Amino acid sequence: MKLASLILDGRPTFGAVTERGFVDLGRHFGARCPDLRALLAQDLLDEARAQAGAGPAIALDGLAFELPIPNLD
């Protein structure tokens, strides 16, 4: 599983890049986990991996990826 951050439909989100495309994990986790940094801090990789395999995927064409963890400070 490769994790990534991007802007999708005008909102920042994060997710997994899979063989099916991009799975928006930000939509799945919502306020409980607002970004990739929070996902890692809360040790939610197992849940993310399960969702990445089951969630709907978006084609990678035209997606503009950002730094994986843009709020590293």
PDB file of N, CA and C in Angstrom:
ATOM      1  N   MET A   1       0.852  -1.174   0.000  1.00  0.00           N
ATOM      2  CA  MET A   1       0.000   0.000   0.000  1.00  0.00           C
ATOM      3  C   MET A   1       0.893   1.231   0.000  1.00  0.00           C
ATOM      4  N   LYS A   2       0.645   2.130  -0.932  1.00  0.00           N
ATOM      5  CA  LYS A   2       1.362   3.396  -1.000  1.00  0.00           C
ATOM      6  C   LYS A   2       0.398   4.488  -0.550  1.00  0.00           C
ATOM      7  N   LEU A   3       0.804   5.292   0.411  1.00  0.00           N
ATOM      8  CA  LEU A   3      -0.027   6.373   0.920  1.00  0.00           C
ATOM      9  C   LEU A   3       0.330   7.670   0.208  1.00  0.00           C
ATOM     10  N   ALA A   4      -0.661   8.532   0.042  1.00  0.00           N
ATOM     11  CA  ALA A   4      -0.452   9.790  -0.678  1.00  0.00           C
ATOM     12  C   ALA A   4      -1.411  10.847  -0.171  1.00  0.00           C
ATOM     13  N   SER A   5      -1.044  12.104  -0.397  1.00  0.00           N
ATOM     14  CA  SER A   5      -1.912  13.247  -0.099  1.00  0.00           C
ATOM     15  C   SER A   5      -2.142  14.009  -1.393  1.00  0.00           C
ATOM     16  N   LEU A   6      -3.312  14.617  -1.517  1.00  0.00           N
ATOM     17  CA  LEU A   6      -3.632  15.406  -2.708  1.00  0.00           C
ATOM     18  C   LEU A   6      -4.838  16.294  -2.439  1.00  0.00           C
ATOM     19  N   ILE A   7      -5.139  17.127  -3.414  1.00  0.00           N
ATOM     20  CA  ILE A   7      -6.352  17.944  -3.385  1.00  0.00           C
ATOM     21  C   ILE A   7      -7.341  17.244  -4.312  1.00  0.00           C
ATOM     22  N   LEU A   8      -8.504  16.908  -3.784  1.00  0.00           N
ATOM     23  CA  LEU A   8      -9.521  16.207  -4.556  1.00  0.00           C
ATOM     24  C   LEU A   8     -10.827  16.982  -4.446  1.00  0.00           C
ATOM     25  N   ASP A   9     -11.352  17.401  -5.574  1.00  0.00           N
ATOM     26  CA  ASP A   9     -12.587  18.197  -5.601  1.00  0.00           C
ATOM     27  C   ASP A   9     -12.478  19.433  -4.706  1.00  0.00           C
ATOM     28  N   GLY A  10     -11.292  20.054  -4.707  1.00  0.00           N
ATOM     29  CA  GLY A  10     -11.083  21.289  -3.969  1.00  0.00           C
ATOM     30  C   GLY A  10     -10.817  21.130  -2.481  1.00  0.00           C
ATOM     31  N   ARG A  11     -10.682  19.902  -2.004  1.00  0.00           N
ATOM     32  CA  ARG A  11     -10.414  19.704  -0.575  1.00  0.00           C
ATOM     33  C   ARG A  11      -9.171  18.827  -0.404  1.00  0.00           C
ATOM     34  N   PRO A  12      -8.348  19.147   0.607  1.00  0.00           N
ATOM     35  CA  PRO A  12      -7.193  18.288   0.864  1.00  0.00           C
ATOM     36  C   PRO A  12      -7.656  16.949   1.421  1.00  0.00           C
ATOM     37  N   THR A  13      -7.013  15.899   0.989  1.00  0.00           N
ATOM     38  CA  THR A  13      -7.335  14.561   1.485  1.00  0.00           C
ATOM     39  C   THR A  13      -6.107  13.687   1.382  1.00  0.00           C
ATOM     40  N   PHE A  14      -6.228  12.475   1.856  1.00  0.00           N
ATOM     41  CA  PHE A  14      -5.148  11.499   1.777  1.00  0.00           C
ATOM     42  C   PHE A  14      -5.757  10.149   1.456  1.00  0.00           C
ATOM     43  N   GLY A  15      -4.910   9.253   1.005  1.00  0.00           N
ATOM     44  CA  GLY A  15      -5.438   7.945   0.667  1.00  0.00           C
ATOM     45  C   GLY A  15      -4.357   6.980   0.253  1.00  0.00           C
ATOM     46  N   ALA A  16      -4.799   5.917  -0.391  1.00  0.00           N
ATOM     47  CA  ALA A  16      -3.904   4.858  -0.821  1.00  0.00           C
ATOM     48  C   ALA A  16      -3.926   4.749  -2.338  1.00  0.00           C
ATOM     49  N   VAL A  17      -2.748   4.603  -2.907  1.00  0.00           N
ATOM     50  CA  VAL A  17      -2.628   4.337  -4.336  1.00  0.00           C
ATOM     51  C   VAL A  17      -2.547   2.817  -4.480  1.00  0.00           C
ATOM     52  N   THR A  18      -3.515   2.261  -5.168  1.00  0.00           N
ATOM     53  CA  THR A  18      -3.586   0.815  -5.350  1.00  0.00           C
ATOM     54  C   THR A  18      -3.562   0.495  -6.844  1.00  0.00           C
ATOM     55  N   GLU A  19      -3.563  -0.779  -7.176  1.00  0.00           N
ATOM     56  CA  GLU A  19      -3.621  -1.172  -8.589  1.00  0.00           C
ATOM     57  C   GLU A  19      -4.944  -0.763  -9.216  1.00  0.00           C
ATOM     58  N   ARG A  20      -5.956  -0.503  -8.413  1.00  0.00           N
ATOM     59  CA  ARG A  20      -7.267  -0.058  -8.930  1.00  0.00           C
ATOM     60  C   ARG A  20      -7.342   1.447  -9.098  1.00  0.00           C
ATOM     61  N   GLY A  21      -6.445   2.197  -8.458  1.00  0.00           N
ATOM     62  CA  GLY A  21      -6.467   3.654  -8.497  1.00  0.00           C
ATOM     63  C   GLY A  21      -6.297   4.224  -7.100  1.00  0.00           C
ATOM     64  N   PHE A  22      -6.750   5.455  -6.904  1.00  0.00           N
ATOM     65  CA  PHE A  22      -6.625   6.146  -5.621  1.00  0.00           C
ATOM     66  C   PHE A  22      -7.874   5.892  -4.778  1.00  0.00           C
ATOM     67  N   VAL A  23      -7.675   5.417  -3.558  1.00  0.00           N
ATOM     68  CA  VAL A  23      -8.779   5.210  -2.615  1.00  0.00           C
ATOM     69  C   VAL A  23      -8.711   6.328  -1.589  1.00  0.00           C
ATOM     70  N   ASP A  24      -9.758   7.135  -1.514  1.00  0.00           N
ATOM     71  CA  ASP A  24      -9.817   8.308  -0.634  1.00  0.00           C
ATOM     72  C   ASP A  24     -10.070   7.869   0.809  1.00  0.00           C
ATOM     73  N   LEU A  25      -8.990   7.727   1.573  1.00  0.00           N
ATOM     74  CA  LEU A  25      -9.116   7.343   2.973  1.00  0.00           C
ATOM     75  C   LEU A  25      -9.583   8.500   3.834  1.00  0.00           C
ATOM     76  N   GLY A  26      -9.317   9.724   3.405  1.00  0.00           N
ATOM     77  CA  GLY A  26      -9.788  10.893   4.149  1.00  0.00           C
ATOM     78  C   GLY A  26     -11.301  10.907   4.275  1.00  0.00           C
ATOM     79  N   ARG A  27     -11.987  10.510   3.237  1.00  0.00           N
ATOM     80  CA  ARG A  27     -13.456  10.436   3.269  1.00  0.00           C
ATOM     81  C   ARG A  27     -13.906   9.356   4.260  1.00  0.00           C
ATOM     82  N   HIS A  28     -13.200   8.242   4.306  1.00  0.00           N
ATOM     83  CA  HIS A  28     -13.546   7.146   5.219  1.00  0.00           C
ATOM     84  C   HIS A  28     -13.335   7.553   6.680  1.00  0.00           C
ATOM     85  N   PHE A  29     -12.179   8.151   6.981  1.00  0.00           N
ATOM     86  CA  PHE A  29     -11.849   8.466   8.369  1.00  0.00           C
ATOM     87  C   PHE A  29     -12.503   9.758   8.866  1.00  0.00           C
ATOM     88  N   GLY A  30     -12.765  10.702   7.983  1.00  0.00           N
ATOM     89  CA  GLY A  30     -13.430  11.950   8.364  1.00  0.00           C
ATOM     90  C   GLY A  30     -12.679  12.705   9.447  1.00  0.00           C
ATOM     91  N   ALA A  31     -13.422  13.320  10.374  1.00  0.00           N
ATOM     92  CA  ALA A  31     -12.833  14.151  11.429  1.00  0.00           C
ATOM     93  C   ALA A  31     -11.995  13.329  12.411  1.00  0.00           C
ATOM     94  N   ARG A  32     -12.252  12.049  12.479  1.00  0.00           N
ATOM     95  CA  ARG A  32     -11.487  11.182  13.387  1.00  0.00           C
ATOM     96  C   ARG A  32     -10.013  11.179  13.024  1.00  0.00           C
ATOM     97  N   CYS A  33      -9.733  11.361  11.767  1.00  0.00           N
ATOM     98  CA  CYS A  33      -8.360  11.304  11.276  1.00  0.00           C
ATOM     99  C   CYS A  33      -8.271  12.243  10.073  1.00  0.00           C
ATOM    100  N   PRO A  34      -8.012  13.525  10.288  1.00  0.00           N
ATOM    101  CA  PRO A  34      -8.115  14.509   9.210  1.00  0.00           C
ATOM    102  C   PRO A  34      -7.001  14.501   8.166  1.00  0.00           C
ATOM    103  N   ASP A  35      -5.865  13.845   8.469  1.00  0.00           N
ATOM    104  CA  ASP A  35      -4.770  13.834   7.505  1.00  0.00           C
ATOM    105  C   ASP A  35      -3.889  12.611   7.718  1.00  0.00           C
ATOM    106  N   LEU A  36      -2.944  12.446   6.830  1.00  0.00           N
ATOM    107  CA  LEU A  36      -2.068  11.277   6.871  1.00  0.00           C
ATOM    108  C   LEU A  36      -1.217  11.261   8.136  1.00  0.00           C
ATOM    109  N   ARG A  37      -0.810  12.420   8.570  1.00  0.00           N
ATOM    110  CA  ARG A  37      -0.021  12.499   9.809  1.00  0.00           C
ATOM    111  C   ARG A  37      -0.823  11.936  10.985  1.00  0.00           C
ATOM    112  N   ALA A  38      -2.095  12.275  11.085  1.00  0.00           N
ATOM    113  CA  ALA A  38      -2.954  11.770  12.158  1.00  0.00           C
ATOM    114  C   ALA A  38      -3.162  10.262  12.027  1.00  0.00           C
ATOM    115  N   LEU A  39      -3.298   9.776  10.800  1.00  0.00           N
ATOM    116  CA  LEU A  39      -3.465   8.337  10.574  1.00  0.00           C
ATOM    117  C   LEU A  39      -2.283   7.570  11.148  1.00  0.00           C
ATOM    118  N   LEU A  40      -1.085   8.053  10.875  1.00  0.00           N
ATOM    119  CA  LEU A  40       0.117   7.397  11.375  1.00  0.00           C
ATOM    120  C   LEU A  40       0.232   7.530  12.895  1.00  0.00           C
ATOM    121  N   ALA A  41      -0.057   8.706  13.420  1.00  0.00           N
ATOM    122  CA  ALA A  41       0.038   8.939  14.862  1.00  0.00           C
ATOM    123  C   ALA A  41      -0.950   8.073  15.645  1.00  0.00           C
ATOM    124  N   GLN A  42      -2.109   7.802  15.052  1.00  0.00           N
ATOM    125  CA  GLN A  42      -3.123   6.998  15.724  1.00  0.00           C
ATOM    126  C   GLN A  42      -2.982   5.501  15.430  1.00  0.00           C
ATOM    127  N   ASP A  43      -1.944   5.140  14.697  1.00  0.00           N
ATOM    128  CA  ASP A  43      -1.657   3.747  14.368  1.00  0.00           C
ATOM    129  C   ASP A  43      -2.861   3.057  13.711  1.00  0.00           C
ATOM    130  N   LEU A  44      -3.392   3.689  12.673  1.00  0.00           N
ATOM    131  CA  LEU A  44      -4.569   3.178  11.978  1.00  0.00           C
ATOM    132  C   LEU A  44      -4.230   2.513  10.640  1.00  0.00           C
ATOM    133  N   LEU A  45      -3.003   2.064  10.478  1.00  0.00           N
ATOM    134  CA  LEU A  45      -2.597   1.475   9.201  1.00  0.00           C
ATOM    135  C   LEU A  45      -3.372   0.212   8.857  1.00  0.00           C
ATOM    136  N   ASP A  46      -3.686  -0.613   9.836  1.00  0.00           N
ATOM    137  CA  ASP A  46      -4.448  -1.834   9.539  1.00  0.00           C
ATOM    138  C   ASP A  46      -5.840  -1.493   9.005  1.00  0.00           C
ATOM    139  N   GLU A  47      -6.501  -0.519   9.631  1.00  0.00           N
ATOM    140  CA  GLU A  47      -7.820  -0.102   9.141  1.00  0.00           C
ATOM    141  C   GLU A  47      -7.706   0.542   7.765  1.00  0.00           C
ATOM    142  N   ALA A  48      -6.653   1.331   7.563  1.00  0.00           N
ATOM    143  CA  ALA A  48      -6.433   1.964   6.260  1.00  0.00           C
ATOM    144  C   ALA A  48      -6.196   0.909   5.187  1.00  0.00           C
ATOM    145  N   ARG A  49      -5.420  -0.104   5.501  1.00  0.00           N
ATOM    146  CA  ARG A  49      -5.135  -1.177   4.543  1.00  0.00           C
ATOM    147  C   ARG A  49      -6.426  -1.911   4.156  1.00  0.00           C
ATOM    148  N   ALA A  50      -7.276  -2.186   5.137  1.00  0.00           N
ATOM    149  CA  ALA A  50      -8.544  -2.869   4.856  1.00  0.00           C
ATOM    150  C   ALA A  50      -9.437  -2.005   3.975  1.00  0.00           C
ATOM    151  N   GLN A  51      -9.512  -0.716   4.269  1.00  0.00           N
ATOM    152  CA  GLN A  51     -10.345   0.196   3.488  1.00  0.00           C
ATOM    153  C   GLN A  51      -9.783   0.382   2.080  1.00  0.00           C
ATOM    154  N   ALA A  52      -8.463   0.402   1.960  1.00  0.00           N
ATOM    155  CA  ALA A  52      -7.834   0.564   0.645  1.00  0.00           C
ATOM    156  C   ALA A  52      -8.184  -0.590  -0.275  1.00  0.00           C
ATOM    157  N   GLY A  53      -8.364  -1.768   0.296  1.00  0.00           N
ATOM    158  CA  GLY A  53      -8.715  -2.933  -0.506  1.00  0.00           C
ATOM    159  C   GLY A  53     -10.192  -3.010  -0.843  1.00  0.00           C
ATOM    160  N   ALA A  54     -11.029  -2.309  -0.087  1.00  0.00           N
ATOM    161  CA  ALA A  54     -12.476  -2.437  -0.256  1.00  0.00           C
ATOM    162  C   ALA A  54     -13.165  -1.175  -0.777  1.00  0.00           C
ATOM    163  N   GLY A  55     -12.563  -0.020  -0.543  1.00  0.00           N
ATOM    164  CA  GLY A  55     -13.211   1.239  -0.904  1.00  0.00           C
ATOM    165  C   GLY A  55     -13.214   1.497  -2.399  1.00  0.00           C
ATOM    166  N   PRO A  56     -14.093   2.409  -2.835  1.00  0.00           N
ATOM    167  CA  PRO A  56     -14.127   2.766  -4.258  1.00  0.00           C
ATOM    168  C   PRO A  56     -12.836   3.475  -4.672  1.00  0.00           C
ATOM    169  N   ALA A  57     -12.393   3.233  -5.879  1.00  0.00           N
ATOM    170  CA  ALA A  57     -11.142   3.804  -6.370  1.00  0.00           C
ATOM    171  C   ALA A  57     -11.409   4.844  -7.455  1.00  0.00           C
ATOM    172  N   ILE A  58     -10.539   5.831  -7.508  1.00  0.00           N
ATOM    173  CA  ILE A  58     -10.592   6.913  -8.494  1.00  0.00           C
ATOM    174  C   ILE A  58      -9.400   6.731  -9.431  1.00  0.00           C
ATOM    175  N   ALA A  59      -9.613   6.880 -10.721  1.00  0.00           N
ATOM    176  CA  ALA A  59      -8.520   6.750 -11.685  1.00  0.00           C
ATOM    177  C   ALA A  59      -7.409   7.750 -11.366  1.00  0.00           C
ATOM    178  N   LEU A  60      -6.167   7.330 -11.545  1.00  0.00           N
ATOM    179  CA  LEU A  60      -5.025   8.172 -11.216  1.00  0.00           C
ATOM    180  C   LEU A  60      -4.791   9.284 -12.234  1.00  0.00           C
ATOM    181  N   ASP A  61      -5.308   9.132 -13.442  1.00  0.00           N
ATOM    182  CA  ASP A  61      -5.117  10.134 -14.484  1.00  0.00           C
ATOM    183  C   ASP A  61      -5.635  11.491 -14.028  1.00  0.00           C
ATOM    184  N   GLY A  62      -4.777  12.494 -14.099  1.00  0.00           N
ATOM    185  CA  GLY A  62      -5.189  13.853 -13.792  1.00  0.00           C
ATOM    186  C   GLY A  62      -5.122  14.228 -12.321  1.00  0.00           C
ATOM    187  N   LEU A  63      -4.789  13.310 -11.440  1.00  0.00           N
ATOM    188  CA  LEU A  63      -4.660  13.650 -10.023  1.00  0.00           C
ATOM    189  C   LEU A  63      -3.331  14.351  -9.792  1.00  0.00           C
ATOM    190  N   ALA A  64      -3.326  15.384  -8.969  1.00  0.00           N
ATOM    191  CA  ALA A  64      -2.106  16.124  -8.653  1.00  0.00           C
ATOM    192  C   ALA A  64      -1.724  15.830  -7.207  1.00  0.00           C
ATOM    193  N   PHE A  65      -0.725  15.006  -7.040  1.00  0.00           N
ATOM    194  CA  PHE A  65      -0.302  14.601  -5.701  1.00  0.00           C
ATOM    195  C   PHE A  65       0.536  15.691  -5.049  1.00  0.00           C
ATOM    196  N   GLU A  66       0.458  15.757  -3.718  1.00  0.00           N
ATOM    197  CA  GLU A  66       1.228  16.702  -2.926  1.00  0.00           C
ATOM    198  C   GLU A  66       2.257  15.917  -2.115  1.00  0.00           C
ATOM    199  N   LEU A  67       2.999  16.607  -1.263  1.00  0.00           N
ATOM    200  CA  LEU A  67       3.897  15.912  -0.350  1.00  0.00           C
ATOM    201  C   LEU A  67       3.064  14.935   0.469  1.00  0.00           C
ATOM    202  N   PRO A  68       3.568  13.729   0.733  1.00  0.00           N
ATOM    203  CA  PRO A  68       2.772  12.750   1.469  1.00  0.00           C
ATOM    204  C   PRO A  68       2.278  13.291   2.817  1.00  0.00           C
ATOM    205  N   ILE A  69       3.139  13.963   3.551  1.00  0.00           N
ATOM    206  CA  ILE A  69       2.737  14.555   4.823  1.00  0.00           C
ATOM    207  C   ILE A  69       3.052  16.058   4.735  1.00  0.00           C
ATOM    208  N   PRO A  70       2.119  16.839   4.177  1.00  0.00           N
ATOM    209  CA  PRO A  70       2.390  18.253   3.921  1.00  0.00           C
ATOM    210  C   PRO A  70       2.510  19.102   5.179  1.00  0.00           C
ATOM    211  N   ASN A  71       2.006  18.643   6.320  1.00  0.00           N
ATOM    212  CA  ASN A  71       2.026  19.446   7.545  1.00  0.00           C
ATOM    213  C   ASN A  71       3.100  18.968   8.514  1.00  0.00           C
ATOM    214  N   LEU A  72       4.262  18.638   7.990  1.00  0.00           N
ATOM    215  CA  LEU A  72       5.397  18.244   8.836  1.00  0.00           C
ATOM    216  C   LEU A  72       6.093  19.483   9.354  1.00  0.00           C
ATOM    217  N   ASP A  73       5.870  19.829  10.575  1.00  0.00           N
ATOM    218  CA  ASP A  73       6.569  20.976  11.146  1.00  0.00           C
ATOM    219  C   ASP A  73       6.966  20.729  12.550  1.00  0.00           C
TER     220      ASP A  73
END
